[in-house]
Amino acid sequence: MLIHAVIKANDSLTFKFKQVTARKHDDAKYLFEKLVSENLIGAQYAQYKNIIQDVIQEKARVEYRGSYVSKADYESMLRKAQKFISMAAGIV
């Protein structure tokens, strides 16, 4: 759920500025980077692309490789998701 929350928050940004959303999860990071490179959102948010990448990798690790998510992993992902969603809400 956290993973999809980050993707949807990113979709809200890309739709606001570019009227497009990611068709695949892997497109999300690229679209976010375009927002930064085109100065549609501030450069101070550039490092948030790493949050998108992290949640996509975590999703793949859990869904496709059947890995276990520890409490610490979950809490880390929760903090990242909250940070990204807060950033997106402040912009949208």
C-alpha atoms as a PDB file:
ATOM      1  CA  MET A   1       0.000   0.000   0.000  1.00  0.00           C
ATOM      2  CA  LEU A   2       2.794   2.442   0.799  1.00  0.00           C
ATOM      3  CA  ILE A   3       4.306   1.832  -2.580  1.00  0.00           C
ATOM      4  CA  HIS A   4       1.089   2.690  -4.376  1.00  0.00           C
ATOM      5  CA  ALA A   5       0.605   5.764  -2.192  1.00  0.00           C
ATOM      6  CA  VAL A   6       3.949   7.131  -3.388  1.00  0.00           C
ATOM      7  CA  ILE A   7       3.132   6.311  -7.015  1.00  0.00           C
ATOM      8  CA  LYS A   8      -0.275   8.009  -6.737  1.00  0.00           C
ATOM      9  CA  ALA A   9       1.261  11.072  -5.072  1.00  0.00           C
ATOM     10  CA  ASN A  10       3.730  11.238  -7.948  1.00  0.00           C
ATOM     11  CA  ASP A  11       0.854  10.848 -10.407  1.00  0.00           C
ATOM     12  CA  SER A  12      -0.829  13.874  -8.819  1.00  0.00           C
ATOM     13  CA  LEU A  13       2.301  15.932  -9.496  1.00  0.00           C
ATOM     14  CA  THR A  14       2.804  14.748 -13.046  1.00  0.00           C
ATOM     15  CA  PHE A  15      -0.849  15.215 -13.877  1.00  0.00           C
ATOM     16  CA  LYS A  16      -0.926  18.723 -12.425  1.00  0.00           C
ATOM     17  CA  PHE A  17       2.037  19.893 -14.484  1.00  0.00           C
ATOM     18  CA  LYS A  18       2.127  17.582 -17.523  1.00  0.00           C
ATOM     19  CA  GLN A  19      -1.408  16.071 -17.696  1.00  0.00           C
ATOM     20  CA  VAL A  20       0.125  12.600 -17.734  1.00  0.00           C
ATOM     21  CA  THR A  21       0.502   9.742 -15.259  1.00  0.00           C
ATOM     22  CA  ALA A  22       2.897   6.815 -15.223  1.00  0.00           C
ATOM     23  CA  ARG A  23       1.642   3.877 -17.267  1.00  0.00           C
ATOM     24  CA  LYS A  24       4.179   1.587 -15.580  1.00  0.00           C
ATOM     25  CA  HIS A  25       5.722   1.947 -12.141  1.00  0.00           C
ATOM     26  CA  ASP A  26       9.129   2.321 -13.755  1.00  0.00           C
ATOM     27  CA  ASP A  27       7.908   5.449 -15.580  1.00  0.00           C
ATOM     28  CA  ALA A  28       7.215   7.239 -12.299  1.00  0.00           C
ATOM     29  CA  LYS A  29      10.828   8.105 -11.522  1.00  0.00           C
ATOM     30  CA  TYR A  30      11.450   9.334 -15.074  1.00  0.00           C
ATOM     31  CA  LEU A  31       8.362  11.571 -15.006  1.00  0.00           C
ATOM     32  CA  PHE A  32       9.358  12.998 -11.630  1.00  0.00           C
ATOM     33  CA  GLU A  33      12.859  13.750 -12.922  1.00  0.00           C
ATOM     34  CA  LYS A  34      11.310  15.600 -15.879  1.00  0.00           C
ATOM     35  CA  LEU A  35       9.318  17.806 -13.510  1.00  0.00           C
ATOM     36  CA  VAL A  36      12.534  18.791 -11.750  1.00  0.00           C
ATOM     37  CA  SER A  37      14.609  19.220 -14.921  1.00  0.00           C
ATOM     38  CA  GLU A  38      11.916  21.421 -16.477  1.00  0.00           C
ATOM     39  CA  ASN A  39      11.746  23.529 -13.278  1.00  0.00           C
ATOM     40  CA  LEU A  40       8.096  22.673 -12.750  1.00  0.00           C
ATOM     41  CA  ILE A  41       8.935  21.695  -9.184  1.00  0.00           C
ATOM     42  CA  GLY A  42      11.884  22.953  -7.182  1.00  0.00           C
ATOM     43  CA  ALA A  43      15.340  21.472  -7.493  1.00  0.00           C
ATOM     44  CA  GLN A  44      15.371  21.015  -3.722  1.00  0.00           C
ATOM     45  CA  TYR A  45      13.073  18.027  -4.329  1.00  0.00           C
ATOM     46  CA  ALA A  46      15.367  16.312  -6.854  1.00  0.00           C
ATOM     47  CA  GLN A  47      16.534  13.731  -4.317  1.00  0.00           C
ATOM     48  CA  TYR A  48      12.936  12.543  -3.859  1.00  0.00           C
ATOM     49  CA  LYS A  49      13.402  10.526  -7.053  1.00  0.00           C
ATOM     50  CA  ASN A  50      15.325   8.120  -4.822  1.00  0.00           C
ATOM     51  CA  ILE A  51      12.209   7.518  -2.753  1.00  0.00           C
ATOM     52  CA  ILE A  52      10.318   6.520  -5.890  1.00  0.00           C
ATOM     53  CA  GLN A  53      13.139   4.177  -6.880  1.00  0.00           C
ATOM     54  CA  ASP A  54      13.323   2.675  -3.394  1.00  0.00           C
ATOM     55  CA  VAL A  55       9.617   1.880  -3.216  1.00  0.00           C
ATOM     56  CA  ILE A  56       9.612   0.378  -6.709  1.00  0.00           C
ATOM     57  CA  GLN A  57      12.561  -1.854  -5.816  1.00  0.00           C
ATOM     58  CA  GLU A  58      10.890  -2.868  -2.558  1.00  0.00           C
ATOM     59  CA  LYS A  59       7.707  -3.774  -4.424  1.00  0.00           C
ATOM     60  CA  ALA A  60       9.670  -5.958  -6.845  1.00  0.00           C
ATOM     61  CA  ARG A  61      11.602  -7.582  -4.002  1.00  0.00           C
ATOM     62  CA  VAL A  62       8.436  -8.516  -2.134  1.00  0.00           C
ATOM     63  CA  GLU A  63       6.070  -9.365  -4.977  1.00  0.00           C
ATOM     64  CA  TYR A  64       8.366 -11.066  -7.438  1.00  0.00           C
ATOM     65  CA  ARG A  65      11.022 -12.599  -5.210  1.00  0.00           C
ATOM     66  CA  GLY A  66       8.830 -13.376  -2.217  1.00  0.00           C
ATOM     67  CA  SER A  67      11.096 -11.580   0.234  1.00  0.00           C
ATOM     68  CA  TYR A  68      10.120 -10.924   3.805  1.00  0.00           C
ATOM     69  CA  VAL A  69       9.530  -7.363   5.029  1.00  0.00           C
ATOM     70  CA  SER A  70      10.813  -6.767   8.505  1.00  0.00           C
ATOM     71  CA  LYS A  71       9.306  -4.253  10.893  1.00  0.00           C
ATOM     72  CA  ALA A  72      12.360  -2.024  10.415  1.00  0.00           C
ATOM     73  CA  ASP A  73      11.989  -2.232   6.619  1.00  0.00           C
ATOM     74  CA  TYR A  74       8.337  -1.311   6.884  1.00  0.00           C
ATOM     75  CA  GLU A  75       9.010   1.615   9.213  1.00  0.00           C
ATOM     76  CA  SER A  76      11.717   2.927   6.898  1.00  0.00           C
ATOM     77  CA  MET A  77       9.402   2.675   3.905  1.00  0.00           C
ATOM     78  CA  LEU A  78       6.617   4.366   5.884  1.00  0.00           C
ATOM     79  CA  ARG A  79       8.870   7.343   6.701  1.00  0.00           C
ATOM     80  CA  LYS A  80       9.895   7.659   3.055  1.00  0.00           C
ATOM     81  CA  ALA A  81       6.293   7.461   1.866  1.00  0.00           C
ATOM     82  CA  GLN A  82       5.174  10.078   4.377  1.00  0.00           C
ATOM     83  CA  LYS A  83       7.986  12.381   3.299  1.00  0.00           C
ATOM     84  CA  PHE A  84       7.125  12.026  -0.397  1.00  0.00           C
ATOM     85  CA  ILE A  85       3.379  12.408   0.127  1.00  0.00           C
ATOM     86  CA  SER A  86       3.913  15.487   2.292  1.00  0.00           C
ATOM     87  CA  MET A  87       6.103  17.048  -0.395  1.00  0.00           C
ATOM     88  CA  ALA A  88       3.543  16.300  -3.115  1.00  0.00           C
ATOM     89  CA  ALA A  89       0.653  17.640  -1.025  1.00  0.00           C
ATOM     90  CA  GLY A  90       2.550  20.873  -0.455  1.00  0.00           C
ATOM     91  CA  ILE A  91       3.013  21.352  -4.184  1.00  0.00           C
ATOM     92  CA  VAL A  92      -0.394  20.230  -5.405  1.00  0.00           C
END
